[in-house]
Amino acid sequence: MIKKLLLAIMIAFPMSLFAQKFGVINTQELIQSLPEVKTIQEQMQAATKKYEDEFAKLQEEFNKKFQEFQALEASTPETIKERRTQ
């Protein structure tokens, strides 16, 4: 009985080793090969450009108002300065 069990294990064990197969995949290459990636990249670039332009306009507006605020004379009333600071 034990001999039959050992014989069955010895026969089944090598078969189970050959049944396991492993592979390696390059995920970066796989993702780049998808057609949706190009459209998403184009959308991201368009959104980035849009937000960069908007940020540049806001920064320009801020700098202009800040220069105007700094150009206020010392004789300007405090209430006007406080209003412009807000």
Protein backbone atom coordinates (compact mmCIF):
# COMPACT_ATOMS: atom_id res chain seq x y z
CA MET A 1 0.00 0.00 0.00
CA ILE A 2 2.75 2.45 0.94
CA LYS A 3 4.75 1.47 -2.14
CA LYS A 4 1.78 2.24 -4.38
CA LEU A 5 1.27 5.58 -2.65
CA LEU A 6 4.95 6.52 -3.02
CA LEU A 7 4.90 5.42 -6.66
CA ALA A 8 1.82 7.59 -7.33
CA ILE A 9 3.45 10.59 -5.63
CA MET A 10 6.69 10.09 -7.57
CA ILE A 11 4.77 10.01 -10.83
CA ALA A 12 2.46 12.96 -10.02
CA PHE A 13 5.16 15.24 -8.56
CA PRO A 14 7.21 15.80 -11.75
CA MET A 15 4.03 16.38 -13.74
CA SER A 16 2.94 19.11 -11.39
CA LEU A 17 6.31 20.82 -11.76
CA PHE A 18 6.00 20.95 -15.53
CA ALA A 19 2.46 22.27 -15.33
CA GLN A 20 3.60 25.52 -13.71
CA LYS A 21 4.66 28.06 -16.29
CA PHE A 22 5.78 31.57 -15.54
CA GLY A 23 6.14 34.49 -17.87
CA VAL A 24 7.39 38.05 -17.76
CA ILE A 25 5.63 40.96 -19.39
CA ASN A 26 6.80 44.51 -19.94
CA THR A 27 3.82 46.53 -18.70
CA GLN A 28 5.19 49.83 -20.00
CA GLU A 29 5.40 48.44 -23.52
CA LEU A 30 1.95 46.90 -23.19
CA ILE A 31 0.39 50.19 -22.07
CA GLN A 32 2.13 52.15 -24.83
CA SER A 33 0.76 49.74 -27.44
CA LEU A 34 -2.86 50.49 -26.48
CA PRO A 35 -4.57 52.88 -28.93
CA GLU A 36 -6.35 54.76 -26.14
CA VAL A 37 -3.04 55.93 -24.68
CA LYS A 38 -2.38 58.37 -27.53
CA THR A 39 -5.78 60.00 -27.24
CA ILE A 40 -5.44 60.29 -23.47
CA GLN A 41 -1.98 61.83 -23.83
CA GLU A 42 -3.32 64.37 -26.33
CA GLN A 43 -6.19 65.25 -23.97
CA MET A 44 -3.75 65.63 -21.07
CA GLN A 45 -1.50 67.93 -23.11
CA ALA A 46 -4.47 70.07 -24.17
CA ALA A 47 -5.69 70.36 -20.57
CA THR A 48 -2.17 71.17 -19.37
CA LYS A 49 -1.80 73.92 -21.96
CA LYS A 50 -5.22 75.35 -21.03
CA TYR A 51 -4.39 75.49 -17.33
CA GLU A 52 -0.90 76.88 -17.94
CA ASP A 53 -2.40 79.70 -20.03
CA GLU A 54 -5.02 80.41 -17.38
CA PHE A 55 -2.37 80.44 -14.65
CA ALA A 56 -0.21 82.84 -16.67
CA LYS A 57 -3.17 85.24 -17.07
CA LEU A 58 -3.97 85.11 -13.36
CA GLN A 59 -0.33 85.66 -12.45
CA GLU A 60 -0.13 88.61 -14.84
CA GLU A 61 -3.29 90.13 -13.35
CA PHE A 62 -1.97 89.63 -9.81
CA ASN A 63 1.36 91.27 -10.64
CA LYS A 64 -0.42 94.24 -12.22
CA LYS A 65 -2.66 94.78 -9.19
CA PHE A 66 0.24 94.31 -6.79
CA GLN A 67 2.28 96.95 -8.63
CA GLU A 68 -0.70 99.32 -8.53
CA PHE A 69 -1.04 98.71 -4.80
CA GLN A 70 2.65 99.38 -4.20
CA ALA A 71 2.40 102.56 -6.25
CA LEU A 72 -0.17 104.05 -3.86
CA GLU A 73 1.14 107.17 -2.27
CA ALA A 74 1.57 107.59 1.47
CA SER A 75 -1.16 110.23 1.41
CA THR A 76 -3.79 107.65 0.32
CA PRO A 77 -6.33 107.07 3.12
CA GLU A 78 -6.11 103.81 5.07
CA THR A 79 -9.66 102.82 4.17
CA ILE A 80 -8.79 102.75 0.47
CA LYS A 81 -5.62 100.74 1.16
CA GLU A 82 -7.57 98.22 3.25
CA ARG A 83 -10.23 97.85 0.56
CA ARG A 84 -7.60 97.21 -2.09
CA THR A 85 -5.78 94.76 0.17
CA GLN A 86 -8.97 92.72 0.49
